[in-house]
N, C-alpha and C. Protein backbone atom coordinates (compact mmCIF):
# COMPACT_ATOMS: atom_id res chain seq x y z
N MET A 1 0.84 -1.18 0.00
CA MET A 1 0.00 0.00 0.00
C MET A 1 0.88 1.24 0.00
N GLU A 2 0.41 2.27 -0.65
CA GLU A 2 1.12 3.55 -0.72
C GLU A 2 0.21 4.66 -0.21
N ILE A 3 0.85 5.70 0.30
CA ILE A 3 0.15 6.94 0.63
C ILE A 3 0.68 7.98 -0.34
N MET A 4 -0.25 8.61 -1.09
CA MET A 4 0.17 9.57 -2.11
C MET A 4 -0.56 10.90 -1.94
N HIS A 5 0.11 11.94 -2.37
CA HIS A 5 -0.47 13.28 -2.49
C HIS A 5 -0.11 13.77 -3.89
N GLU A 6 -1.12 13.97 -4.70
CA GLU A 6 -0.92 14.29 -6.11
C GLU A 6 -0.04 13.19 -6.72
N ASN A 7 1.13 13.51 -7.25
CA ASN A 7 2.00 12.48 -7.82
C ASN A 7 3.18 12.15 -6.91
N ILE A 8 3.11 12.58 -5.67
CA ILE A 8 4.21 12.36 -4.73
C ILE A 8 3.86 11.22 -3.78
N ILE A 9 4.75 10.26 -3.68
CA ILE A 9 4.55 9.14 -2.75
C ILE A 9 5.10 9.56 -1.39
N LEU A 10 4.22 9.63 -0.39
CA LEU A 10 4.65 9.94 0.97
C LEU A 10 5.24 8.72 1.64
N ALA A 11 4.66 7.56 1.35
CA ALA A 11 5.14 6.31 1.94
C ALA A 11 4.74 5.15 1.04
N ASP A 12 5.65 4.21 0.90
CA ASP A 12 5.35 3.01 0.11
C ASP A 12 5.43 1.73 0.95
N SER A 13 5.72 1.89 2.23
CA SER A 13 5.71 0.78 3.18
C SER A 13 4.81 1.20 4.34
N VAL A 14 3.54 0.78 4.27
CA VAL A 14 2.53 1.28 5.18
C VAL A 14 1.88 0.13 5.94
N LYS A 15 1.75 0.31 7.26
CA LYS A 15 1.01 -0.65 8.09
C LYS A 15 -0.25 0.05 8.57
N ILE A 16 -1.37 -0.66 8.53
CA ILE A 16 -2.64 -0.13 9.03
C ILE A 16 -2.96 -0.83 10.34
N TYR A 17 -3.20 -0.02 11.37
CA TYR A 17 -3.59 -0.54 12.68
C TYR A 17 -5.03 -0.14 12.92
N SER A 18 -5.91 -1.15 13.03
CA SER A 18 -7.33 -0.84 13.24
C SER A 18 -7.90 -1.48 14.50
N ASP A 19 -7.17 -2.44 15.09
CA ASP A 19 -7.68 -3.04 16.33
C ASP A 19 -7.11 -2.28 17.53
N ILE A 20 -7.78 -2.39 18.66
CA ILE A 20 -7.43 -1.61 19.84
C ILE A 20 -6.00 -1.88 20.31
N PHE A 21 -5.54 -3.12 20.25
CA PHE A 21 -4.19 -3.44 20.72
C PHE A 21 -3.12 -2.77 19.87
N SER A 22 -3.22 -2.92 18.55
CA SER A 22 -2.18 -2.35 17.69
C SER A 22 -2.24 -0.82 17.70
N LYS A 23 -3.44 -0.23 17.79
CA LYS A 23 -3.53 1.22 17.87
C LYS A 23 -2.94 1.74 19.17
N SER A 24 -3.14 1.02 20.25
CA SER A 24 -2.59 1.43 21.54
C SER A 24 -1.07 1.34 21.55
N LYS A 25 -0.54 0.34 20.90
CA LYS A 25 0.92 0.18 20.85
C LYS A 25 1.53 1.21 19.91
N GLY A 26 0.96 1.38 18.73
CA GLY A 26 1.46 2.36 17.77
C GLY A 26 2.96 2.23 17.57
N LEU A 27 3.68 3.32 17.83
CA LEU A 27 5.14 3.33 17.65
C LEU A 27 5.90 3.18 18.98
N ARG A 28 5.20 2.82 20.05
CA ARG A 28 5.88 2.63 21.34
C ARG A 28 6.97 1.57 21.20
N PHE A 29 8.15 1.91 21.66
CA PHE A 29 9.31 1.01 21.65
C PHE A 29 9.72 0.55 20.25
N ALA A 30 9.24 1.22 19.22
CA ALA A 30 9.56 0.85 17.84
C ALA A 30 10.87 1.52 17.41
N LYS A 31 11.44 0.98 16.35
CA LYS A 31 12.60 1.61 15.73
C LYS A 31 12.14 2.83 14.97
N ARG A 32 13.04 3.78 14.77
CA ARG A 32 12.76 5.01 14.04
C ARG A 32 12.19 4.68 12.66
N LEU A 33 11.15 5.40 12.25
CA LEU A 33 10.61 5.22 10.91
C LEU A 33 11.64 5.67 9.88
N LYS A 34 11.80 4.89 8.85
CA LYS A 34 12.69 5.26 7.75
C LYS A 34 11.89 5.98 6.68
N LYS A 35 12.58 6.70 5.82
CA LYS A 35 11.92 7.37 4.71
C LYS A 35 11.09 6.34 3.93
N GLY A 36 9.85 6.70 3.63
CA GLY A 36 8.98 5.80 2.89
C GLY A 36 8.13 4.90 3.77
N GLN A 37 8.34 4.93 5.09
CA GLN A 37 7.54 4.12 6.00
C GLN A 37 6.47 4.98 6.67
N ALA A 38 5.36 4.35 7.03
CA ALA A 38 4.29 5.06 7.75
C ALA A 38 3.41 4.03 8.43
N ILE A 39 2.70 4.51 9.45
CA ILE A 39 1.61 3.70 10.00
C ILE A 39 0.34 4.54 9.97
N ILE A 40 -0.76 3.85 9.75
CA ILE A 40 -2.07 4.48 9.76
C ILE A 40 -2.86 3.88 10.91
N LEU A 41 -3.34 4.75 11.81
CA LEU A 41 -4.22 4.32 12.88
C LEU A 41 -5.64 4.65 12.42
N GLU A 42 -6.46 3.62 12.25
CA GLU A 42 -7.82 3.81 11.72
C GLU A 42 -8.84 3.78 12.85
N ALA A 43 -9.57 4.87 13.01
CA ALA A 43 -10.62 4.95 14.03
C ALA A 43 -11.89 4.28 13.51
N ASN A 44 -12.78 3.93 14.42
CA ASN A 44 -14.05 3.33 14.03
C ASN A 44 -14.94 4.33 13.29
N GLU A 45 -14.82 5.60 13.66
CA GLU A 45 -15.59 6.66 13.03
C GLU A 45 -14.81 7.96 13.16
N GLU A 46 -15.22 8.98 12.42
CA GLU A 46 -14.56 10.27 12.55
C GLU A 46 -14.75 10.78 13.98
N SER A 47 -13.64 11.17 14.60
CA SER A 47 -13.71 11.54 16.01
C SER A 47 -12.46 12.33 16.39
N ILE A 48 -12.60 13.20 17.34
CA ILE A 48 -11.42 13.84 17.94
C ILE A 48 -10.87 12.90 19.02
N PHE A 49 -11.75 12.38 19.86
CA PHE A 49 -11.32 11.52 20.97
C PHE A 49 -10.56 10.28 20.47
N GLU A 50 -11.13 9.57 19.49
CA GLU A 50 -10.51 8.33 19.00
C GLU A 50 -9.20 8.55 18.26
N THR A 51 -8.96 9.78 17.81
CA THR A 51 -7.74 10.04 17.05
C THR A 51 -6.75 10.92 17.82
N THR A 52 -7.00 11.08 19.12
CA THR A 52 -6.02 11.73 19.99
C THR A 52 -4.91 10.72 20.27
N ILE A 53 -3.67 11.17 20.17
CA ILE A 53 -2.53 10.27 20.35
C ILE A 53 -1.60 10.80 21.44
N ASP A 54 -0.65 9.96 21.82
CA ASP A 54 0.42 10.39 22.72
C ASP A 54 1.73 9.80 22.19
N MET A 55 2.82 10.29 22.71
CA MET A 55 4.15 9.84 22.26
C MET A 55 4.93 9.16 23.39
N PHE A 56 4.21 8.61 24.37
CA PHE A 56 4.89 7.91 25.46
C PHE A 56 5.66 6.73 24.90
N PHE A 57 6.92 6.63 25.26
CA PHE A 57 7.82 5.54 24.84
C PHE A 57 8.06 5.48 23.33
N VAL A 58 7.85 6.62 22.66
CA VAL A 58 8.28 6.79 21.28
C VAL A 58 9.54 7.65 21.39
N PHE A 59 10.66 7.13 20.90
CA PHE A 59 11.95 7.74 21.16
C PHE A 59 12.50 8.60 20.03
N PHE A 60 11.64 8.99 19.09
CA PHE A 60 12.08 9.80 17.95
C PHE A 60 10.92 10.70 17.52
N PRO A 61 11.23 11.87 16.93
CA PRO A 61 10.16 12.76 16.47
C PRO A 61 9.52 12.25 15.19
N ILE A 62 8.25 12.59 15.00
CA ILE A 62 7.52 12.19 13.80
C ILE A 62 6.65 13.34 13.31
N ASP A 63 6.19 13.22 12.08
CA ASP A 63 5.15 14.09 11.53
C ASP A 63 3.84 13.32 11.60
N VAL A 64 2.75 14.03 11.89
CA VAL A 64 1.45 13.38 12.02
C VAL A 64 0.42 14.13 11.17
N LEU A 65 -0.35 13.36 10.40
CA LEU A 65 -1.47 13.90 9.63
C LEU A 65 -2.76 13.29 10.17
N TRP A 66 -3.78 14.11 10.33
CA TRP A 66 -5.12 13.62 10.64
C TRP A 66 -5.95 13.79 9.39
N VAL A 67 -6.63 12.73 8.99
CA VAL A 67 -7.33 12.68 7.71
C VAL A 67 -8.76 12.22 7.96
N ASN A 68 -9.73 12.89 7.32
CA ASN A 68 -11.13 12.51 7.50
C ASN A 68 -11.52 11.36 6.56
N SER A 69 -12.78 10.99 6.58
CA SER A 69 -13.27 9.87 5.76
C SER A 69 -13.11 10.10 4.26
N ASN A 70 -13.06 11.37 3.85
CA ASN A 70 -12.86 11.70 2.44
C ASN A 70 -11.37 11.77 2.09
N LYS A 71 -10.53 11.41 3.05
CA LYS A 71 -9.06 11.40 2.91
C LYS A 71 -8.50 12.82 2.72
N GLU A 72 -9.21 13.77 3.30
CA GLU A 72 -8.78 15.16 3.30
C GLU A 72 -8.03 15.45 4.61
N VAL A 73 -6.89 16.11 4.51
CA VAL A 73 -6.08 16.43 5.68
C VAL A 73 -6.79 17.51 6.50
N VAL A 74 -7.12 17.17 7.77
CA VAL A 74 -7.83 18.11 8.63
C VAL A 74 -6.93 18.69 9.73
N ASP A 75 -5.75 18.11 9.93
CA ASP A 75 -4.79 18.67 10.87
C ASP A 75 -3.41 18.09 10.56
N ILE A 76 -2.39 18.87 10.90
CA ILE A 76 -0.99 18.48 10.67
C ILE A 76 -0.18 18.90 11.88
N ARG A 77 0.69 18.03 12.35
CA ARG A 77 1.68 18.40 13.36
C ARG A 77 3.02 17.89 12.87
N ARG A 78 3.98 18.77 12.83
CA ARG A 78 5.31 18.40 12.34
C ARG A 78 6.30 18.33 13.49
N SER A 79 7.23 17.40 13.38
CA SER A 79 8.29 17.24 14.39
C SER A 79 7.72 17.10 15.80
N VAL A 80 6.75 16.21 15.95
CA VAL A 80 6.18 15.95 17.27
C VAL A 80 7.26 15.27 18.11
N LYS A 81 7.52 15.83 19.28
CA LYS A 81 8.62 15.37 20.11
C LYS A 81 8.28 14.09 20.86
N PRO A 82 9.30 13.25 21.09
CA PRO A 82 9.10 12.05 21.91
C PRO A 82 8.52 12.42 23.28
N PHE A 83 7.70 11.52 23.81
CA PHE A 83 7.11 11.63 25.14
C PHE A 83 6.13 12.79 25.30
N THR A 84 5.64 13.36 24.18
CA THR A 84 4.59 14.37 24.27
C THR A 84 3.35 13.68 24.82
N PRO A 85 2.75 14.21 25.90
CA PRO A 85 1.67 13.47 26.56
C PRO A 85 0.36 13.36 25.77
N VAL A 86 -0.11 14.45 25.15
CA VAL A 86 -1.40 14.40 24.45
C VAL A 86 -1.32 15.27 23.21
N ILE A 87 -1.72 14.69 22.07
CA ILE A 87 -1.80 15.44 20.83
C ILE A 87 -3.21 15.24 20.29
N THR A 88 -4.00 16.29 20.34
CA THR A 88 -5.40 16.23 19.95
C THR A 88 -5.58 16.95 18.61
N PRO A 89 -6.27 16.31 17.66
CA PRO A 89 -6.51 16.99 16.38
C PRO A 89 -7.49 18.15 16.55
N ARG A 90 -7.38 19.13 15.68
CA ARG A 90 -8.27 20.29 15.73
C ARG A 90 -9.68 19.96 15.23
N LYS A 91 -9.78 18.96 14.36
CA LYS A 91 -11.07 18.55 13.81
C LYS A 91 -11.17 17.03 13.88
N PRO A 92 -12.38 16.49 13.83
CA PRO A 92 -12.54 15.03 13.83
C PRO A 92 -11.84 14.39 12.62
N ALA A 93 -11.27 13.23 12.85
CA ALA A 93 -10.57 12.51 11.79
C ALA A 93 -10.92 11.03 11.87
N LYS A 94 -10.74 10.35 10.77
CA LYS A 94 -10.93 8.90 10.69
C LYS A 94 -9.59 8.18 10.77
N TYR A 95 -8.54 8.84 10.25
CA TYR A 95 -7.20 8.23 10.18
C TYR A 95 -6.16 9.15 10.79
N VAL A 96 -5.21 8.54 11.49
CA VAL A 96 -4.01 9.24 11.96
C VAL A 96 -2.85 8.61 11.20
N ILE A 97 -2.10 9.41 10.48
CA ILE A 97 -0.98 8.90 9.70
C ILE A 97 0.30 9.40 10.33
N GLU A 98 1.14 8.47 10.77
CA GLU A 98 2.41 8.80 11.41
C GLU A 98 3.54 8.50 10.43
N LEU A 99 4.36 9.52 10.19
CA LEU A 99 5.42 9.47 9.18
C LEU A 99 6.74 9.96 9.76
N PRO A 100 7.85 9.64 9.10
CA PRO A 100 9.13 10.18 9.56
C PRO A 100 9.12 11.71 9.53
N ARG A 101 9.84 12.32 10.46
CA ARG A 101 9.95 13.78 10.50
C ARG A 101 10.42 14.31 9.15
N GLY A 102 9.78 15.36 8.66
CA GLY A 102 10.15 15.97 7.39
C GLY A 102 9.39 15.44 6.19
N SER A 103 8.53 14.44 6.40
CA SER A 103 7.80 13.82 5.29
C SER A 103 6.60 14.64 4.82
N THR A 104 6.17 15.61 5.63
CA THR A 104 4.92 16.32 5.32
C THR A 104 5.14 17.78 4.95
N ASP A 105 6.36 18.15 4.66
CA ASP A 105 6.68 19.57 4.41
C ASP A 105 5.84 20.19 3.29
N HIS A 106 5.44 19.41 2.31
CA HIS A 106 4.67 19.93 1.17
C HIS A 106 3.16 19.67 1.30
N ILE A 107 2.72 19.18 2.46
CA ILE A 107 1.30 18.90 2.69
C ILE A 107 0.65 20.08 3.41
N ASN A 108 -0.57 20.42 3.00
CA ASN A 108 -1.32 21.52 3.62
C ASN A 108 -2.70 21.03 4.05
N LEU A 109 -3.31 21.77 4.97
CA LEU A 109 -4.68 21.46 5.36
C LEU A 109 -5.56 21.50 4.12
N GLY A 110 -6.48 20.54 4.01
CA GLY A 110 -7.38 20.48 2.87
C GLY A 110 -6.87 19.62 1.73
N ASP A 111 -5.58 19.30 1.73
CA ASP A 111 -5.06 18.41 0.69
C ASP A 111 -5.72 17.05 0.79
N VAL A 112 -5.90 16.39 -0.34
CA VAL A 112 -6.51 15.07 -0.38
C VAL A 112 -5.43 14.04 -0.68
N LEU A 113 -5.41 12.98 0.14
CA LEU A 113 -4.44 11.90 -0.04
C LEU A 113 -5.12 10.70 -0.65
N SER A 114 -4.33 9.79 -1.18
CA SER A 114 -4.88 8.51 -1.62
C SER A 114 -4.08 7.41 -0.94
N PHE A 115 -4.80 6.40 -0.49
CA PHE A 115 -4.20 5.21 0.12
C PHE A 115 -5.21 4.10 0.16
């Protein structure tokens, strides 16, 4: 699976986490994401609560995109620091996409992704 924006591939090695265990674990104790890698946390429905994340036991910074059901970017946080306690999206989202730091420099709110 790939995550794309226009003709640019954001990631070509993507894992989707949709069950409670894998979403809870996320990137905790994981190795640093390499260029081209990403994880998608899929919520049951568009929500702020279900797509709020934390960086406990994540030892490297990441870029995070929140995407709604139409795959439109509704929030972006760049260079999220390790051990940040709570990161809440500004709008409800269906997907949280976690990418290596610097992967989202050309992404803007309202952009539509494909995956």
